[in-house]
Protein backbone atom coordinates (compact mmCIF):
# COMPACT_ATOMS: atom_id res chain seq x y z
CA MET A 1 -0.42 -0.06 -0.11
CA ILE A 2 2.83 2.78 1.20
CA GLU A 3 4.86 1.60 -2.35
CA LYS A 4 2.11 2.61 -4.51
CA LEU A 5 1.41 6.02 -3.21
CA ILE A 6 5.16 6.45 -2.97
CA ALA A 7 4.79 5.43 -6.75
CA ILE A 8 1.94 7.55 -7.82
CA LEU A 9 3.50 10.13 -5.74
CA GLY A 10 6.66 9.87 -7.63
CA TRP A 11 4.12 9.66 -11.22
CA LEU A 12 2.84 12.66 -10.05
CA ARG A 13 6.21 14.93 -9.54
CA ASN A 14 7.32 13.27 -12.37
CA PHE A 15 4.19 14.79 -14.62
CA ILE A 16 3.61 18.29 -12.83
CA SER A 17 7.50 19.74 -13.42
CA PRO A 18 7.30 20.06 -17.78
CA VAL A 19 3.57 21.24 -16.42
CA LEU A 20 4.24 23.71 -14.62
CA ILE A 21 7.80 25.34 -16.66
CA THR A 22 5.87 25.14 -19.74
CA MET A 23 2.72 26.87 -18.22
CA ILE A 24 4.66 29.47 -16.90
CA LEU A 25 5.38 30.18 -20.36
CA GLY A 26 2.50 29.87 -21.91
CA GLY A 27 1.61 32.67 -19.43
CA PHE A 28 4.61 34.73 -20.31
CA VAL A 29 3.29 33.97 -24.17
CA TYR A 30 -0.36 35.50 -23.59
CA ILE A 31 0.97 38.59 -21.40
CA SER A 32 3.90 39.15 -24.65
CA LEU A 33 0.88 39.10 -27.37
CA GLU A 34 -0.82 41.89 -25.00
CA LYS A 35 -3.55 39.12 -23.51
CA SER A 36 -4.86 38.49 -27.61
CA LEU A 37 -6.54 35.81 -29.05
CA LEU A 38 -3.70 34.81 -30.50
CA GLY A 39 -1.56 34.96 -26.94
CA ILE A 40 -4.56 32.97 -24.82
CA PHE A 41 -4.53 30.22 -28.29
CA LEU A 42 -0.26 29.67 -27.99
CA GLY A 43 -0.82 30.11 -24.11
CA ILE A 44 -3.17 27.32 -24.01
CA LEU A 45 -1.29 25.45 -27.37
CA ILE A 46 2.00 25.28 -25.46
CA ALA A 47 -0.55 24.63 -21.88
CA ILE A 48 -1.41 21.37 -23.97
CA LEU A 49 2.02 20.68 -24.95
CA GLY A 50 3.60 20.57 -21.20
CA PHE A 51 0.94 18.46 -20.55
CA VAL A 52 1.53 15.55 -22.84
CA ILE A 53 5.41 16.40 -22.50
CA GLY A 54 4.56 15.65 -18.36
CA VAL A 55 2.20 12.06 -19.17
CA TYR A 56 5.35 10.90 -21.37
CA PHE A 57 8.25 12.19 -19.53
CA ALA A 58 6.13 10.55 -15.85
CA GLU A 59 5.62 6.83 -18.27
CA ARG A 60 8.78 6.76 -19.53
CA VAL A 61 10.37 6.87 -15.69
CA ARG A 62 7.98 4.51 -14.01
CA THR A 63 9.06 1.83 -16.76
CA LYS A 64 11.89 2.53 -17.17
CA ILE A 65 13.67 3.17 -14.69
CA GLY A 66 11.24 3.10 -11.53
CA THR A 67 9.56 6.76 -9.98
CA ASP A 68 10.69 5.60 -6.62
CA LYS A 69 14.62 5.50 -8.03
CA PHE A 70 14.26 8.36 -10.26
CA ASN A 71 13.66 10.24 -7.70
CA ALA A 72 15.82 8.82 -5.25
CA GLN A 73 18.57 9.55 -7.40
CA VAL A 74 17.09 13.52 -8.00
CA MET A 75 17.74 14.27 -4.82
CA ALA A 76 20.65 12.42 -3.24
CA SER A 77 22.67 15.47 -2.26
CA SER A 78 26.27 15.64 -3.43
CA ASP A 79 27.29 17.24 -0.12
CA ILE A 80 26.68 13.48 1.80
CA THR A 81 28.11 11.08 -0.55
CA GLY A 82 31.68 11.38 -3.40
CA LYS A 83 34.48 13.26 -2.85
CA LYS A 84 33.66 16.04 -0.63
CA MET A 85 32.08 13.03 2.47
CA LYS A 86 35.89 11.15 1.08
CA ARG A 87 37.63 14.47 1.91
CA ALA A 88 35.75 15.58 5.76
CA CYS A 89 36.43 11.87 6.60
CA GLN A 90 40.53 12.90 5.90
CA ILE A 91 40.25 15.95 7.72
CA LEU A 92 38.12 14.57 10.39
CA THR A 93 40.19 11.83 10.60
CA TYR A 94 43.87 14.08 10.43
CA ASN A 95 42.31 16.02 13.51
CA GLY A 96 41.85 13.17 15.28
CA MET A 97 37.76 13.03 15.40
CA ILE A 98 36.90 9.80 14.02
CA ASN A 99 38.72 6.32 13.62
CA SER A 100 39.33 4.96 10.77
CA GLU A 101 36.35 3.14 10.49
CA HIS A 102 34.90 6.43 10.20
CA ARG A 103 33.01 6.50 13.50
CA MET A 104 33.23 9.55 15.98
CA LEU A 105 35.61 9.80 18.86
CA PRO A 106 34.77 10.78 22.37
CA LEU A 107 36.27 13.91 22.88
CA LYS A 108 38.48 15.16 25.41
CA ASN A 109 37.98 17.83 28.16
CA LYS A 110 40.44 20.95 28.55
CA ILE A 111 39.70 22.43 31.08
């Protein structure tokens, strides 16, 4: 049940991103054409195009990768993983704050 809910929310997240971008773009087109009939038509056309792109993108992600895995990769913070984390552990090990297994060492009281 929870897995299904996470998959649905992930699909909606993947769907809504292109839709919001194209709706904003359609709004700018509408305003830039001075709220004319052509502006209304092009704004709606761009919004519909965003809806189609959103459905296509969300379905492609769901079938190829899976929504939960894709969103986990997108939300993964590079500050915690990769070279920055390795360098931080090297600095903390050198300063004697963590041991070689990257476990915190007790602080020494300096009074």
